[in-house]
Amino acid sequence: MSLGNVWGGESRIFKDETKLYPEYIPEKLPHRKNHLLELVRIFRPFITKPGSMPTRAALVGPSGTGKTVTVLKFGDILRRMVRRRQLPLDVAFVIVNCYIYKTAFAIYREIANALGVSVPRRGFSKSEVLRLIISQLENEDRYMLLAIDEADFLAKSSRDDALYDLTRLTEARMSRKPRVSLIVILRNPLSALTLDPHIRSTLAHHVIKFNPYSKKEIEDILWARVEEGAIYESAVSEEVIEAIGALVGHDMGGQGDARLALEILLNAGRIAESKGKSCIEVEDVRVAFSNVIPFPREILHHLEPHEALLLYALAMLLEERRYVNWVTTGMLERAYRELCEDLGVSARAHTMVWGYIQQLRNRGIVKTKLSTKGRGRTTQISLPGVPLGPLKEELAKVIESKLGVRVF
């Protein structure tokens, strides 16, 4: 691809790749609607009866489980309702990421700036900045819903005074009436145990848990972004989306991380585009995933010779079927026997081949699933996270070193 095409030509894959970026707030939140409704329920008293009572909530779950985007969506809804004057109060939604703003002063300064209060980097104490925040809200008769993202960084003993101060902002004694409500976003539930008891008790009443996404949920999230116009529908197939789901889905041994899934789809699209293709292939997904989470090649050198042959046969089979991500164990065994015959090596019996498949799965090199399509139940096997070309090259070296035969 020439530089001219990079800058000027229209993409044949992406309609709007920014809709795959972490910062994008999607129109739909698959499998997080109930979490959004729970936020609405928790903060309804604060919003419908201004100044009556502050509300605090904790959102807890691993990275990429939708905590931040759910809060951003909630804040987006609030902003729109304020603009349309559909609320009985003027509420500012402010979110601060503690990974970016690592000190208490930096956090307070960012909150003040978001409210339109300019605070220089030097010359003010932390307590003075907090008073400026409250004064600004009182002078403008406004309220604030404050979200503290990545609060795990504040949960450490040296920094939790910031979180203590922010919880105090919600209390009536800081102003004539409660003007601040708080959302604390935590990755690790154990982080809450390290907090000051006062902070822990204020957050304990409303805790929303975010579990890792399953394979099906990851697929739904990716299809929702396609429908919103991130990628042309003709440029992505069910096999591609399913391959990402199999890599990332928590029920498939993955992290259940939607951000990772979106990053893989974005990078797979860029890889396909760099090769001049008009659609993403499963191999592009494998390459994209290996760029994010490299496959440990040293594992291959500890394989039994016939495990390596079986894996090579699987790579060949998937390479021949560019748009397929799963093959049956029957297809794999036939390909393995043909490879052994071509190399002049005696193939192992069916029960041993089945044992090799189980060992490869247990090591996390391949994935298997049961399929009920057609007659009876069939086991299918896949290599979703490893680029096939480099895998074959490495396996060829292993086979040659252990069996003394050169793979063509």
Protein backbone atom coordinates (compact mmCIF):
# COMPACT_ATOMS: atom_id res chain seq x y z
CA MET A 1 0.00 0.00 0.00
CA SER A 2 1.47 3.37 -1.06
CA LEU A 3 1.62 6.41 1.22
CA GLY A 4 -0.81 8.15 -1.10
CA ASN A 5 -3.40 5.43 -0.52
CA VAL A 6 -2.84 5.58 3.23
CA TRP A 7 -3.62 9.29 3.42
CA GLY A 8 -6.18 9.72 0.69
CA GLY A 9 -7.93 6.53 -0.41
CA GLU A 10 -11.16 5.27 1.08
CA SER A 11 -10.91 2.18 3.22
CA ARG A 12 -12.58 -0.95 1.91
CA ILE A 13 -12.76 -2.37 5.43
CA PHE A 14 -13.39 0.49 7.86
CA LYS A 15 -16.38 2.83 7.72
CA ASP A 16 -15.26 4.58 10.89
CA GLU A 17 -12.50 2.84 12.81
CA THR A 18 -12.79 5.32 15.71
CA LYS A 19 -15.89 3.34 16.74
CA LEU A 20 -13.51 0.57 17.79
CA TYR A 21 -11.42 2.91 19.98
CA PRO A 22 -11.60 2.60 23.81
CA GLU A 23 -12.76 6.24 24.08
CA TYR A 24 -15.83 5.71 21.90
CA ILE A 25 -19.18 5.64 23.71
CA PRO A 26 -21.39 3.22 21.73
CA GLU A 27 -25.09 3.65 21.10
CA LYS A 28 -25.76 0.20 22.54
CA LEU A 29 -24.19 -1.55 25.52
CA PRO A 30 -24.80 -5.27 24.94
CA HIS A 31 -25.11 -7.21 28.21
CA ARG A 32 -24.71 -4.07 30.32
CA LYS A 33 -28.21 -2.61 30.09
CA ASN A 34 -29.11 -3.93 33.55
CA HIS A 35 -25.96 -2.36 35.00
CA LEU A 36 -26.93 0.97 33.44
CA LEU A 37 -30.46 0.68 34.84
CA GLU A 38 -29.00 -0.10 38.26
CA LEU A 39 -27.02 3.15 38.13
CA VAL A 40 -30.22 5.00 37.25
CA ARG A 41 -32.00 3.38 40.21
CA ILE A 42 -29.18 4.17 42.65
CA PHE A 43 -28.81 7.83 41.66
CA ARG A 44 -32.50 8.62 41.10
CA PRO A 45 -32.93 10.27 44.56
CA PHE A 46 -29.89 12.50 44.01
CA ILE A 47 -31.14 13.59 40.57
CA THR A 48 -34.89 13.92 41.21
CA LYS A 49 -34.61 15.57 44.66
CA PRO A 50 -31.65 17.95 44.45
CA GLY A 51 -29.80 18.44 47.71
CA SER A 52 -31.82 15.84 49.59
CA MET A 53 -29.12 13.23 49.96
CA PRO A 54 -25.76 12.26 48.46
CA THR A 55 -25.35 8.87 46.81
CA ARG A 56 -22.26 6.73 46.50
CA ALA A 57 -21.70 3.57 44.46
CA ALA A 58 -18.80 1.24 43.70
CA LEU A 59 -18.40 -0.54 40.36
CA VAL A 60 -16.16 -3.57 40.62
CA GLY A 61 -14.81 -5.86 37.91
CA PRO A 62 -11.70 -6.79 35.90
CA SER A 63 -10.38 -4.62 33.10
CA GLY A 64 -12.48 -4.56 29.94
CA THR A 65 -15.75 -5.65 31.56
CA GLY A 66 -17.65 -2.46 30.71
CA LYS A 67 -17.38 -0.46 33.94
CA THR A 68 -16.01 2.76 32.47
CA VAL A 69 -18.11 2.73 29.31
CA THR A 70 -21.27 2.12 31.37
CA VAL A 71 -20.46 5.11 33.57
CA LEU A 72 -19.63 7.24 30.51
CA LYS A 73 -22.93 6.23 28.94
CA PHE A 74 -24.74 7.17 32.14
CA GLY A 75 -22.94 10.53 32.18
CA ASP A 76 -23.78 11.06 28.50
CA ILE A 77 -27.48 10.50 29.24
CA LEU A 78 -27.31 12.99 32.13
CA ARG A 79 -25.64 15.65 29.96
CA ARG A 80 -28.26 15.30 27.25
CA MET A 81 -31.08 15.57 29.78
CA VAL A 82 -29.48 18.72 31.27
CA ARG A 83 -29.19 20.29 27.82
CA ARG A 84 -32.86 19.53 27.13
CA ARG A 85 -33.82 20.79 30.60
CA GLN A 86 -35.43 17.49 31.46
CA LEU A 87 -33.99 17.41 34.98
CA PRO A 88 -34.91 19.46 38.10
CA LEU A 89 -31.22 20.34 38.60
CA ASP A 90 -28.11 21.39 36.71
CA VAL A 91 -25.74 18.46 37.20
CA ALA A 92 -22.17 18.25 35.95
CA PHE A 93 -20.79 14.81 35.17
CA VAL A 94 -17.04 14.61 35.81
CA ILE A 95 -14.84 11.54 35.43
CA VAL A 96 -11.19 11.40 36.49
CA ASN A 97 -8.81 8.54 35.75
CA CYS A 98 -6.41 7.95 38.64
CA TYR A 99 -3.94 6.14 36.40
CA ILE A 100 -3.45 9.44 34.53
CA TYR A 101 -3.85 11.79 37.51
CA LYS A 102 -1.81 9.99 40.12
CA THR A 103 -1.63 12.54 42.97
CA ALA A 104 -4.40 13.95 45.14
CA PHE A 105 -3.67 17.51 43.98
CA ALA A 106 -3.71 16.50 40.30
CA ILE A 107 -7.10 14.79 40.80
CA TYR A 108 -8.63 17.78 42.60
CA ARG A 109 -7.22 20.17 39.97
CA GLU A 110 -8.72 18.11 37.14
CA ILE A 111 -12.15 18.14 38.86
CA ALA A 112 -11.92 21.91 39.29
CA ASN A 113 -10.90 22.42 35.66
CA ALA A 114 -13.85 20.28 34.51
CA LEU A 115 -16.15 22.64 36.44
CA GLY A 116 -14.59 25.71 34.83
CA VAL A 117 -12.33 26.67 37.74
CA SER A 118 -8.78 27.37 36.60
CA VAL A 119 -6.26 26.16 39.18
CA PRO A 120 -2.53 26.74 38.59
CA ARG A 121 -0.10 23.89 39.21
CA ARG A 122 1.40 25.73 42.19
CA GLY A 123 0.14 28.11 44.85
CA PHE A 124 -2.90 26.22 46.19
CA SER A 125 -3.16 23.55 48.84
CA LYS A 126 -5.35 20.48 48.34
CA SER A 127 -7.95 21.70 50.84
CA GLU A 128 -8.12 25.07 49.07
CA VAL A 129 -8.85 23.37 45.76
CA LEU A 130 -11.61 21.31 47.38
CA ARG A 131 -13.17 24.48 48.78
CA LEU A 132 -12.99 26.08 45.32
CA ILE A 133 -14.90 23.09 43.90
CA ILE A 134 -17.69 23.39 46.46
CA SER A 135 -17.83 27.20 46.10
CA GLN A 136 -18.16 26.89 42.33
CA LEU A 137 -21.07 24.47 42.67
CA GLU A 138 -22.81 26.67 45.27
CA ASN A 139 -22.29 29.91 43.35
CA GLU A 140 -23.78 28.39 40.18
CA ASP A 141 -26.38 26.32 42.07
CA ARG A 142 -25.07 23.19 40.38
CA TYR A 143 -24.57 19.59 41.43
CA MET A 144 -21.88 17.12 40.44
CA LEU A 145 -21.80 13.41 39.78
CA LEU A 146 -18.13 12.52 40.17
CA ALA A 147 -16.70 9.25 38.84
CA ILE A 148 -13.25 8.12 40.02
CA ASP A 149 -11.89 5.61 37.50
CA GLU A 150 -8.99 3.23 38.22
CA ALA A 151 -9.46 3.97 41.92
CA ASP A 152 -7.27 0.96 42.73
CA PHE A 153 -4.33 3.37 42.41
CA LEU A 154 -5.79 5.40 45.29
CA ALA A 155 -6.55 2.33 47.37
CA LYS A 156 -2.90 2.06 48.32
CA SER A 157 -2.29 3.35 51.83
CA SER A 158 -0.14 6.27 50.71
CA ARG A 159 -2.86 7.70 48.53
CA ASP A 160 -6.22 6.80 50.03
CA ASP A 161 -6.39 10.21 51.74
CA ALA A 162 -7.51 11.49 48.33
CA LEU A 163 -10.36 9.00 48.24
CA TYR A 164 -11.23 9.94 51.83
CA ASP A 165 -11.40 13.63 50.85
CA LEU A 166 -13.55 12.83 47.81
CA THR A 167 -16.04 10.86 49.91
CA ARG A 168 -16.19 13.83 52.32
CA LEU A 169 -17.12 16.05 49.34
CA THR A 170 -20.42 14.21 49.26
CA GLU A 171 -21.23 15.05 52.87
CA ALA A 172 -23.52 17.90 53.90
CA ARG A 173 -20.98 19.50 56.23
CA MET A 174 -18.80 20.38 53.24
CA SER A 175 -21.55 22.65 51.87
CA ARG A 176 -24.96 24.02 52.81
CA LYS A 177 -26.57 20.98 51.19
CA PRO A 178 -25.16 17.83 49.53
CA ARG A 179 -24.08 18.75 46.02
CA VAL A 180 -21.77 15.86 45.11
CA SER A 181 -22.46 12.19 44.52
CA LEU A 182 -19.73 9.68 43.85
CA ILE A 183 -19.00 6.62 41.70
CA VAL A 184 -15.82 4.69 42.47
CA ILE A 185 -14.57 2.28 39.79
CA LEU A 186 -12.33 -0.57 40.97
CA ARG A 187 -10.73 -3.41 39.04
CA ASN A 188 -9.89 -5.59 42.00
CA PRO A 189 -12.49 -6.26 44.73
CA LEU A 190 -9.61 -6.84 47.16
CA SER A 191 -8.62 -3.17 46.70
CA ALA A 192 -11.70 -2.22 48.72
CA LEU A 193 -10.38 -4.18 51.69
CA THR A 194 -7.33 -1.90 51.89
CA LEU A 195 -9.42 1.27 52.13
CA ASP A 196 -10.00 3.31 55.25
CA PRO A 197 -13.02 1.82 57.14
CA HIS A 198 -14.94 5.10 56.71
CA ILE A 199 -14.50 4.98 52.91
CA ARG A 200 -15.38 1.29 52.80
CA SER A 201 -18.59 1.82 54.75
CA THR A 202 -19.73 4.71 52.54
CA LEU A 203 -19.31 2.60 49.41
CA ALA A 204 -20.69 -0.67 50.76
CA HIS A 205 -24.38 0.15 50.27
CA HIS A 206 -24.33 0.16 46.46
CA VAL A 207 -21.92 -2.23 44.74
CA ILE A 208 -22.40 -3.23 41.11
CA LYS A 209 -20.34 -6.21 39.96
CA PHE A 210 -19.10 -6.55 36.37
CA ASN A 211 -18.15 -10.08 35.37
CA PRO A 212 -15.84 -10.96 32.46
CA TYR A 213 -17.63 -11.39 29.13
CA SER A 214 -18.34 -14.82 27.68
CA LYS A 215 -17.57 -15.78 24.08
CA LYS A 216 -21.15 -15.09 23.00
CA GLU A 217 -21.17 -11.71 24.78
CA ILE A 218 -17.88 -10.70 23.12
CA GLU A 219 -19.37 -11.61 19.73
CA ASP A 220 -22.48 -9.54 20.45
CA ILE A 221 -20.32 -6.52 21.38
CA LEU A 222 -18.29 -6.80 18.16
CA TRP A 223 -21.39 -7.18 15.97
CA ALA A 224 -22.95 -4.15 17.69
CA ARG A 225 -19.92 -2.05 16.67
CA VAL A 226 -20.18 -3.34 13.10
CA GLU A 227 -23.86 -2.38 13.05
CA GLU A 228 -22.96 1.09 14.36
CA GLY A 229 -20.70 1.59 11.35
CA ALA A 230 -17.17 0.71 12.50
CA ILE A 231 -16.61 -1.81 9.70
CA TYR A 232 -18.38 -2.64 6.45
CA GLU A 233 -20.51 -5.74 7.00
CA SER A 234 -19.06 -7.24 3.80
CA ALA A 235 -15.55 -6.93 5.30
CA VAL A 236 -16.15 -9.16 8.33
CA SER A 237 -17.54 -12.68 8.59
CA GLU A 238 -19.09 -14.77 11.33
CA GLU A 239 -15.91 -16.86 11.40
CA VAL A 240 -13.78 -13.79 12.15
CA ILE A 241 -16.04 -12.58 14.97
CA GLU A 242 -16.27 -16.12 16.34
CA ALA A 243 -12.47 -16.44 16.26
CA ILE A 244 -12.10 -13.32 18.41
CA GLY A 245 -14.81 -14.56 20.77
CA ALA A 246 -12.97 -17.86 21.15
CA LEU A 247 -9.73 -16.04 21.97
CA VAL A 248 -11.18 -13.56 24.45
CA GLY A 249 -14.32 -15.16 25.91
CA HIS A 250 -13.94 -15.99 29.59
CA ASP A 251 -15.74 -19.30 29.16
CA MET A 252 -13.15 -20.25 26.52
CA GLY A 253 -10.21 -19.59 28.84
CA GLY A 254 -9.76 -15.97 27.73
CA GLN A 255 -9.78 -12.78 29.77
CA GLY A 256 -13.36 -11.78 28.96
CA ASP A 257 -11.97 -8.33 28.07
CA ALA A 258 -14.06 -6.38 25.54
CA ARG A 259 -11.31 -3.79 25.04
CA LEU A 260 -8.93 -6.55 23.99
CA ALA A 261 -11.54 -7.95 21.59
CA LEU A 262 -12.08 -4.53 19.99
CA GLU A 263 -8.31 -4.00 19.73
CA ILE A 264 -7.91 -7.36 17.98
CA LEU A 265 -10.69 -6.55 15.49
CA LEU A 266 -9.19 -3.10 14.82
CA ASN A 267 -5.68 -4.47 14.29
CA ALA A 268 -6.93 -7.41 12.20
CA GLY A 269 -8.68 -4.90 9.94
CA ARG A 270 -5.50 -2.86 9.60
CA ILE A 271 -3.48 -5.98 8.80
CA ALA A 272 -5.97 -7.02 6.12
CA GLU A 273 -5.99 -3.49 4.71
CA SER A 274 -2.18 -3.36 4.58
CA LYS A 275 -2.29 -6.47 2.39
CA GLY A 276 -4.77 -4.87 0.00
CA LYS A 277 -7.64 -7.12 1.02
CA SER A 278 -11.29 -6.05 1.13
CA CYS A 279 -12.24 -8.35 3.99
CA ILE A 280 -10.70 -9.61 7.21
CA GLU A 281 -9.65 -13.25 7.34
CA VAL A 282 -9.21 -15.49 10.37
CA GLU A 283 -5.44 -15.47 9.82
CA ASP A 284 -5.48 -11.68 10.24
CA VAL A 285 -7.10 -12.26 13.64
CA ARG A 286 -4.40 -14.74 14.60
CA VAL A 287 -1.66 -12.28 13.65
CA ALA A 288 -3.40 -9.40 15.46
CA PHE A 289 -3.80 -11.48 18.62
CA SER A 290 -0.17 -12.64 18.56
CA ASN A 291 0.93 -9.01 18.27
CA VAL A 292 -0.96 -8.22 21.47
CA ILE A 293 -0.24 -11.47 23.32
CA PRO A 294 2.79 -13.18 21.69
CA PHE A 295 2.67 -16.97 21.45
CA PRO A 296 5.52 -18.53 23.48
CA ARG A 297 7.34 -20.44 20.73
CA GLU A 298 9.58 -22.27 23.19
CA ILE A 299 6.58 -24.44 24.11
CA LEU A 300 6.76 -26.03 20.65
CA HIS A 301 10.26 -27.41 21.32
CA HIS A 302 8.89 -29.43 24.26
CA LEU A 303 6.27 -31.22 22.14
CA GLU A 304 6.39 -34.93 21.41
CA PRO A 305 7.30 -35.58 17.74
CA HIS A 306 3.79 -36.68 16.80
CA GLU A 307 2.20 -33.80 18.71
CA ALA A 308 4.28 -31.52 16.45
CA LEU A 309 3.15 -33.46 13.36
CA LEU A 310 -0.48 -33.23 14.41
CA LEU A 311 -0.17 -29.49 15.05
CA TYR A 312 1.53 -29.00 11.67
CA ALA A 313 -1.32 -30.89 9.98
CA LEU A 314 -3.84 -28.65 11.75
CA ALA A 315 -1.99 -25.52 10.58
CA MET A 316 -1.96 -26.85 7.00
CA LEU A 317 -5.66 -27.67 7.16
CA LEU A 318 -6.65 -24.23 8.45
CA GLU A 319 -4.35 -22.52 5.94
CA GLU A 320 -6.08 -24.33 3.07
CA ARG A 321 -9.47 -23.22 4.40
CA ARG A 322 -8.77 -19.50 4.74
CA TYR A 323 -12.27 -18.57 5.91
CA VAL A 324 -12.68 -21.44 8.38
CA ASN A 325 -11.59 -21.35 12.00
CA TRP A 326 -12.66 -24.80 13.21
CA VAL A 327 -12.17 -28.29 11.74
CA THR A 328 -13.38 -31.64 13.01
CA THR A 329 -11.03 -34.04 14.71
CA GLY A 330 -11.83 -36.52 11.92
CA MET A 331 -10.58 -34.07 9.29
CA LEU A 332 -7.48 -33.40 11.38
CA GLU A 333 -6.68 -37.08 11.84
CA ARG A 334 -6.93 -37.68 8.08
CA ALA A 335 -4.63 -34.71 7.40
CA TYR A 336 -2.18 -36.00 10.03
CA ARG A 337 -2.08 -39.49 8.46
CA GLU A 338 -1.54 -38.01 4.99
CA LEU A 339 1.33 -35.88 6.35
CA CYS A 340 2.92 -38.92 8.04
CA GLU A 341 2.63 -40.91 4.79
CA ASP A 342 4.22 -38.10 2.76
CA LEU A 343 7.12 -37.90 5.24
CA GLY A 344 7.57 -41.67 5.50
CA VAL A 345 6.70 -41.73 9.19
CA SER A 346 4.43 -44.31 10.83
CA ALA A 347 1.23 -42.66 12.08
CA ARG A 348 -0.01 -43.34 15.58
CA ALA A 349 -3.28 -45.11 16.42
CA HIS A 350 -6.56 -43.22 16.83
CA THR A 351 -6.53 -43.35 20.65
CA MET A 352 -3.03 -41.86 20.77
CA VAL A 353 -4.02 -39.11 18.31
CA TRP A 354 -6.98 -38.27 20.55
CA GLY A 355 -4.61 -38.13 23.52
CA TYR A 356 -2.33 -35.71 21.66
CA ILE A 357 -5.29 -33.42 21.00
CA GLN A 358 -6.16 -33.42 24.71
CA GLN A 359 -2.57 -32.61 25.67
CA LEU A 360 -2.36 -29.76 23.16
CA ARG A 361 -5.63 -28.38 24.52
CA ASN A 362 -4.50 -28.69 28.13
CA ARG A 363 -1.35 -26.71 27.30
CA GLY A 364 -3.50 -23.96 25.81
CA ILE A 365 -2.05 -24.37 22.30
CA VAL A 366 -5.34 -25.40 20.66
CA LYS A 367 -8.99 -24.96 21.56
CA THR A 368 -11.70 -27.60 21.24
CA LYS A 369 -15.48 -27.52 21.32
CA LEU A 370 -18.37 -29.92 20.88
CA SER A 371 -20.59 -29.42 17.83
CA THR A 372 -24.07 -30.93 17.50
CA LYS A 373 -24.50 -30.05 13.83
CA GLY A 374 -25.42 -33.02 11.66
CA ARG A 375 -25.56 -36.45 13.18
CA GLY A 376 -24.45 -36.90 16.74
CA ARG A 377 -21.82 -34.86 18.52
CA THR A 378 -18.47 -34.00 16.96
CA THR A 379 -15.39 -32.44 18.53
CA GLN A 380 -13.99 -29.49 16.61
CA ILE A 381 -10.52 -28.04 17.01
CA SER A 382 -9.01 -24.62 16.31
CA LEU A 383 -5.79 -22.60 16.49
CA PRO A 384 -7.29 -19.16 17.03
CA GLY A 385 -4.37 -17.23 18.50
CA VAL A 386 -1.32 -18.30 16.49
CA PRO A 387 -0.36 -17.06 12.99
CA LEU A 388 -0.17 -20.17 10.81
CA GLY A 389 2.87 -19.24 8.66
CA PRO A 390 5.33 -18.64 11.53
CA LEU A 391 3.84 -21.61 13.42
CA LYS A 392 4.52 -23.97 10.50
CA GLU A 393 8.09 -22.69 10.16
CA GLU A 394 8.82 -23.31 13.83
CA LEU A 395 7.13 -26.72 13.81
CA ALA A 396 9.15 -27.74 10.74
CA LYS A 397 12.34 -27.12 12.74
CA VAL A 398 10.98 -29.17 15.66
CA ILE A 399 9.97 -32.09 13.43
CA GLU A 400 13.33 -32.09 11.62
CA SER A 401 15.28 -32.02 14.88
CA LYS A 402 13.25 -34.81 16.51
CA LEU A 403 12.46 -37.10 13.59
CA GLY A 404 15.26 -36.27 11.15
CA VAL A 405 12.83 -35.58 8.29
CA ARG A 406 12.50 -32.33 6.37
CA VAL A 407 8.98 -30.95 6.08
CA PHE A 408 8.30 -29.57 2.62
